[in-house]
Amino acid sequence: MTTIPKKTSESKTTATKKVVRRGAPKGTNRASNAGRQKATFESEVKSALELAKKERKLQVEFSATLFLDILTDLTMPEPDTNRFKTLSGVLNDNRDKYPTMAAFLGWLRRDTSGELEKMYHEVMEANIQLMHDERFRVAYDIEHDIMMTERNGTFTPEWNKLFVQRGKVIIDALEWSLTRLAPAKYGNNLKVETTIEASTETLKLLAQDGAARRAAAFEAAERLAKELYERQSDKFKDA
């Protein structure tokens, strides 16, 4: 009897998995790679610090020409709107050559002669006058008060409430600034101070005269009250 051998199952082939190594490429020293990255970072930091030092030098060092240029820009209104400029606006619009706000105020603070601050305040006085004029310009601007609205093919005039309200906001902001920047001139509560120079004898005479006037006024009021009382009593008697 012939024995037929059983068929054996096919052997399963084992797939070789490719292991991906993360990190430095094969043959690269990790230590040297980290060293190059560190050197690159340090060079970038050094370049940034050198650039910052140059900008800081421009902002801190005083220049009379630069100071006068800033004041000139402050006195010239905007070319499109004719509105006054602010110090922060002038400095921010010319960051490449003008100092920061802190550096500019430092110039004024370090000037012991007071000339820089005097010139700056003269320019600000001119800007205050521009604020005052701007209120009337906005108030008298009636060009866009009325707008035409189309309804059913017909254009009808309507009151432009948004434009009018915006003008009111601008005027209120200007008035608020004026009362804070120049309260003695544009404030709601004006104070009048008077100085009188007099000797001690003059002050005594004024005090005596005031006391005599007060006594005479009291006596006159007392006589008038007595006369009124007598007249009223006579009326009751006649009745």
Protein backbone atom coordinates (compact mmCIF):
# COMPACT_ATOMS: atom_id res chain seq x y z
CA MET A 1 0.00 0.00 0.00
CA THR A 2 1.43 3.19 -1.13
CA THR A 3 1.25 6.02 1.32
CA ILE A 4 0.50 9.36 -0.26
CA PRO A 5 2.13 12.08 1.71
CA LYS A 6 -0.12 14.87 2.87
CA LYS A 7 0.25 18.21 1.25
CA THR A 8 1.89 20.59 3.54
CA SER A 9 0.66 24.15 3.71
CA GLU A 10 2.75 26.70 1.95
CA SER A 11 5.11 28.42 4.24
CA LYS A 12 4.23 32.00 4.91
CA THR A 13 6.78 34.47 3.83
CA THR A 14 7.73 36.96 6.47
CA ALA A 15 7.90 40.49 5.11
CA THR A 16 10.83 42.43 6.28
CA LYS A 17 9.72 45.67 7.82
CA LYS A 18 11.76 48.71 7.10
CA VAL A 19 12.64 50.54 10.26
CA VAL A 20 12.71 54.27 9.82
CA ARG A 21 15.12 55.95 12.14
CA ARG A 22 14.33 59.46 13.13
CA GLY A 23 16.89 62.05 13.82
CA ALA A 24 20.11 62.76 12.02
CA PRO A 25 20.75 61.04 8.68
CA LYS A 26 22.86 57.93 8.60
CA GLY A 27 26.48 58.76 9.00
CA THR A 28 25.79 62.17 10.58
CA ASN A 29 27.08 63.04 13.98
CA ARG A 30 24.21 64.38 16.12
CA ALA A 31 26.55 66.40 18.29
CA SER A 32 28.04 68.27 15.33
CA ASN A 33 24.54 68.92 13.89
CA ALA A 34 23.37 70.43 17.18
CA GLY A 35 26.51 72.53 17.29
CA ARG A 36 25.81 73.97 13.85
CA GLN A 37 22.21 74.78 14.83
CA LYS A 38 23.43 76.52 17.98
CA ALA A 39 25.98 78.55 16.04
CA THR A 40 23.31 79.61 13.51
CA PHE A 41 20.96 80.69 16.30
CA GLU A 42 23.70 82.65 18.05
CA SER A 43 24.62 84.46 14.82
CA GLU A 44 20.96 85.41 14.25
CA VAL A 45 20.68 86.70 17.82
CA LYS A 46 23.89 88.69 17.41
CA SER A 47 22.67 90.28 14.18
CA ALA A 48 19.31 91.16 15.75
CA LEU A 49 21.03 92.74 18.76
CA GLU A 50 23.33 94.83 16.54
CA LEU A 51 20.33 96.06 14.55
CA ALA A 52 18.46 96.88 17.77
CA LYS A 53 21.46 98.82 19.08
CA LYS A 54 21.55 100.92 15.91
CA GLU A 55 17.82 101.67 16.18
CA ARG A 56 18.17 102.42 19.90
CA LYS A 57 21.05 104.80 19.15
CA LEU A 58 18.88 106.66 16.65
CA GLN A 59 16.03 106.92 19.15
CA VAL A 60 18.07 108.09 22.14
CA GLU A 61 20.65 110.47 20.65
CA PHE A 62 19.39 114.05 20.39
CA SER A 63 19.57 115.91 17.10
CA ALA A 64 18.52 119.55 16.81
CA THR A 65 17.69 119.11 13.13
CA LEU A 66 15.57 116.05 13.89
CA PHE A 67 13.78 117.89 16.70
CA LEU A 68 12.93 120.84 14.42
CA ASP A 69 11.73 118.45 11.70
CA ILE A 70 9.31 116.87 14.17
CA LEU A 71 7.97 120.28 15.22
CA THR A 72 7.58 121.28 11.57
CA ASP A 73 5.54 118.15 10.84
CA LEU A 74 3.36 118.91 13.86
CA THR A 75 2.55 122.41 12.63
CA MET A 76 1.57 121.26 9.12
CA PRO A 77 -1.97 119.83 8.88
CA GLU A 78 -2.88 116.68 7.00
CA PRO A 79 -2.75 117.34 3.23
CA ASP A 80 -6.05 115.59 2.50
CA THR A 81 -8.25 116.62 5.43
CA ASN A 82 -6.45 119.77 6.74
CA ARG A 83 -6.79 118.34 10.23
CA PHE A 84 -4.16 118.86 12.90
CA LYS A 85 -1.57 116.17 13.63
CA THR A 86 -0.70 114.51 16.91
CA LEU A 87 2.77 113.80 18.25
CA SER A 88 2.23 110.05 18.30
CA GLY A 89 0.92 110.14 14.73
CA VAL A 90 3.96 112.04 13.45
CA LEU A 91 6.43 109.74 15.22
CA ASN A 92 4.69 106.54 14.15
CA ASP A 93 4.42 107.62 10.51
CA ASN A 94 8.19 108.19 10.33
CA ARG A 95 9.61 105.34 12.39
CA ASP A 96 12.62 104.97 10.11
CA LYS A 97 14.07 108.37 11.11
CA TYR A 98 12.07 109.73 14.07
CA PRO A 99 12.51 108.59 17.70
CA THR A 100 9.90 106.87 19.78
CA MET A 101 7.52 108.78 22.04
CA ALA A 102 9.55 107.84 25.12
CA ALA A 103 12.80 109.06 23.53
CA PHE A 104 11.23 112.36 22.43
CA LEU A 105 9.84 113.03 25.90
CA GLY A 106 13.26 112.14 27.28
CA TRP A 107 14.76 114.93 25.18
CA LEU A 108 12.39 117.42 26.78
CA ARG A 109 13.05 116.08 30.26
CA ARG A 110 16.86 116.19 29.98
CA ASP A 111 16.93 119.76 28.60
CA THR A 112 17.74 121.90 31.64
CA SER A 113 17.53 125.16 29.67
CA GLY A 114 13.83 124.66 28.97
CA GLU A 115 14.16 125.81 25.35
CA LEU A 116 13.01 122.51 23.84
CA GLU A 117 9.93 122.36 26.03
CA LYS A 118 9.14 126.00 25.25
CA MET A 119 9.30 125.36 21.50
CA TYR A 120 7.20 122.22 21.84
CA HIS A 121 4.51 124.05 23.85
CA GLU A 122 4.38 126.81 21.23
CA VAL A 123 3.61 124.19 18.60
CA MET A 124 0.98 122.61 20.84
CA GLU A 125 -0.63 126.04 21.28
CA ALA A 126 -0.93 126.24 17.51
CA ASN A 127 -2.51 122.77 17.47
CA ILE A 128 -5.00 123.87 20.13
CA GLN A 129 -6.02 126.74 17.87
CA LEU A 130 -6.43 124.23 15.03
CA MET A 131 -8.71 122.15 17.28
CA HIS A 132 -10.79 125.23 17.96
CA ASP A 133 -11.10 125.98 14.24
CA GLU A 134 -11.84 122.33 13.43
CA ARG A 135 -14.97 122.43 15.60
CA PHE A 136 -16.50 125.14 13.43
CA ARG A 137 -15.41 123.44 10.21
CA VAL A 138 -17.21 120.24 11.20
CA ALA A 139 -20.25 122.13 12.48
CA TYR A 140 -20.63 124.11 9.25
CA ASP A 141 -20.06 121.11 6.96
CA ILE A 142 -23.58 120.56 5.61
CA GLU A 143 -22.61 118.99 2.30
CA HIS A 144 -23.72 115.48 3.31
CA ASP A 145 -26.52 116.34 5.74
CA ILE A 146 -29.14 115.41 3.15
CA MET A 147 -28.96 112.20 1.11
CA MET A 148 -31.17 111.02 -1.75
CA THR A 149 -32.86 107.65 -1.24
CA GLU A 150 -34.55 105.68 -4.01
CA ARG A 151 -37.98 104.27 -3.20
CA ASN A 152 -40.18 102.73 -5.89
CA GLY A 153 -38.17 104.42 -8.58
CA THR A 154 -38.45 107.85 -6.98
CA PHE A 155 -35.58 109.68 -5.26
CA THR A 156 -36.57 111.44 -2.07
CA PRO A 157 -34.35 113.54 0.19
CA GLU A 158 -33.74 112.20 3.68
CA TRP A 159 -31.84 113.39 6.71
CA ASN A 160 -28.40 111.72 6.92
CA LYS A 161 -28.46 110.90 10.60
CA LEU A 162 -25.20 108.91 10.58
CA PHE A 163 -23.22 111.80 9.09
CA VAL A 164 -24.70 114.31 11.53
CA GLN A 165 -24.08 112.01 14.50
CA ARG A 166 -20.49 111.46 13.40
CA GLY A 167 -19.96 115.21 13.27
CA LYS A 168 -21.34 115.52 16.79
CA VAL A 169 -18.89 112.87 18.04
CA ILE A 170 -15.97 114.76 16.47
CA ILE A 171 -17.05 118.08 17.99
CA ASP A 172 -17.51 116.50 21.44
CA ALA A 173 -14.04 114.93 21.24
CA LEU A 174 -12.46 118.23 20.24
CA GLU A 175 -14.24 120.12 23.00
CA TRP A 176 -13.15 117.53 25.57
CA SER A 177 -9.53 117.88 24.42
CA LEU A 178 -9.69 121.68 24.51
CA THR A 179 -11.06 121.76 28.06
CA ARG A 180 -8.18 119.51 29.19
CA LEU A 181 -5.34 121.07 27.21
CA ALA A 182 -6.39 124.71 27.74
CA PRO A 183 -8.86 124.82 30.65
CA ALA A 184 -8.18 128.49 31.39
CA LYS A 185 -9.22 129.47 27.86
CA TYR A 186 -11.77 126.85 26.79
CA GLY A 187 -12.92 125.37 30.10
CA ASN A 188 -16.50 125.53 31.30
CA ASN A 189 -15.58 127.02 34.68
CA LEU A 190 -13.42 130.08 34.13
CA LYS A 191 -11.55 131.45 37.13
CA VAL A 192 -10.68 135.12 37.49
CA GLU A 193 -7.92 135.95 39.94
CA THR A 194 -7.26 139.51 41.09
CA THR A 195 -4.30 140.67 43.12
CA ILE A 196 -4.58 143.86 45.21
CA GLU A 197 -1.49 145.39 46.78
CA ALA A 198 -2.24 147.61 49.80
CA SER A 199 -0.52 148.72 52.97
CA THR A 200 -1.61 147.74 56.46
CA GLU A 201 -3.15 151.16 57.10
CA THR A 202 -5.15 150.97 53.89
CA LEU A 203 -6.46 147.53 54.82
CA LYS A 204 -7.53 148.84 58.25
CA LEU A 205 -9.39 151.76 56.66
CA LEU A 206 -11.11 149.39 54.22
CA ALA A 207 -12.15 147.15 57.10
CA GLN A 208 -13.53 150.10 59.09
CA ASP A 209 -15.38 151.42 56.06
CA GLY A 210 -16.85 147.98 55.41
CA ALA A 211 -17.99 147.65 59.01
CA ALA A 212 -19.61 151.11 58.92
CA ARG A 213 -21.40 150.28 55.68
CA ARG A 214 -22.70 147.00 57.09
CA ALA A 215 -23.97 148.78 60.23
CA ALA A 216 -25.71 151.48 58.16
CA ALA A 217 -27.34 148.85 55.96
CA PHE A 218 -28.56 146.95 59.02
CA GLU A 219 -30.08 150.12 60.51
CA ALA A 220 -31.79 151.00 57.21
CA ALA A 221 -33.26 147.50 56.97
CA GLU A 222 -34.47 147.69 60.56
CA ARG A 223 -36.22 151.04 59.93
CA LEU A 224 -37.86 149.71 56.77
CA ALA A 225 -39.13 146.64 58.59
CA LYS A 226 -40.57 148.85 61.38
CA GLU A 227 -42.34 151.11 58.85
CA LEU A 228 -43.86 148.11 57.08
CA TYR A 229 -45.09 146.71 60.39
CA GLU A 230 -46.71 150.02 61.36
CA ARG A 231 -48.46 150.34 57.97
CA GLN A 232 -49.79 146.82 58.25
CA SER A 233 -51.08 147.52 61.77
CA ASP A 234 -52.88 150.69 60.60
CA LYS A 235 -54.67 148.70 57.89
CA PHE A 236 -55.97 146.21 60.44
CA LYS A 237 -57.19 149.06 62.67
CA ASP A 238 -59.12 150.76 59.85
CA ALA A 239 -60.73 147.45 58.91
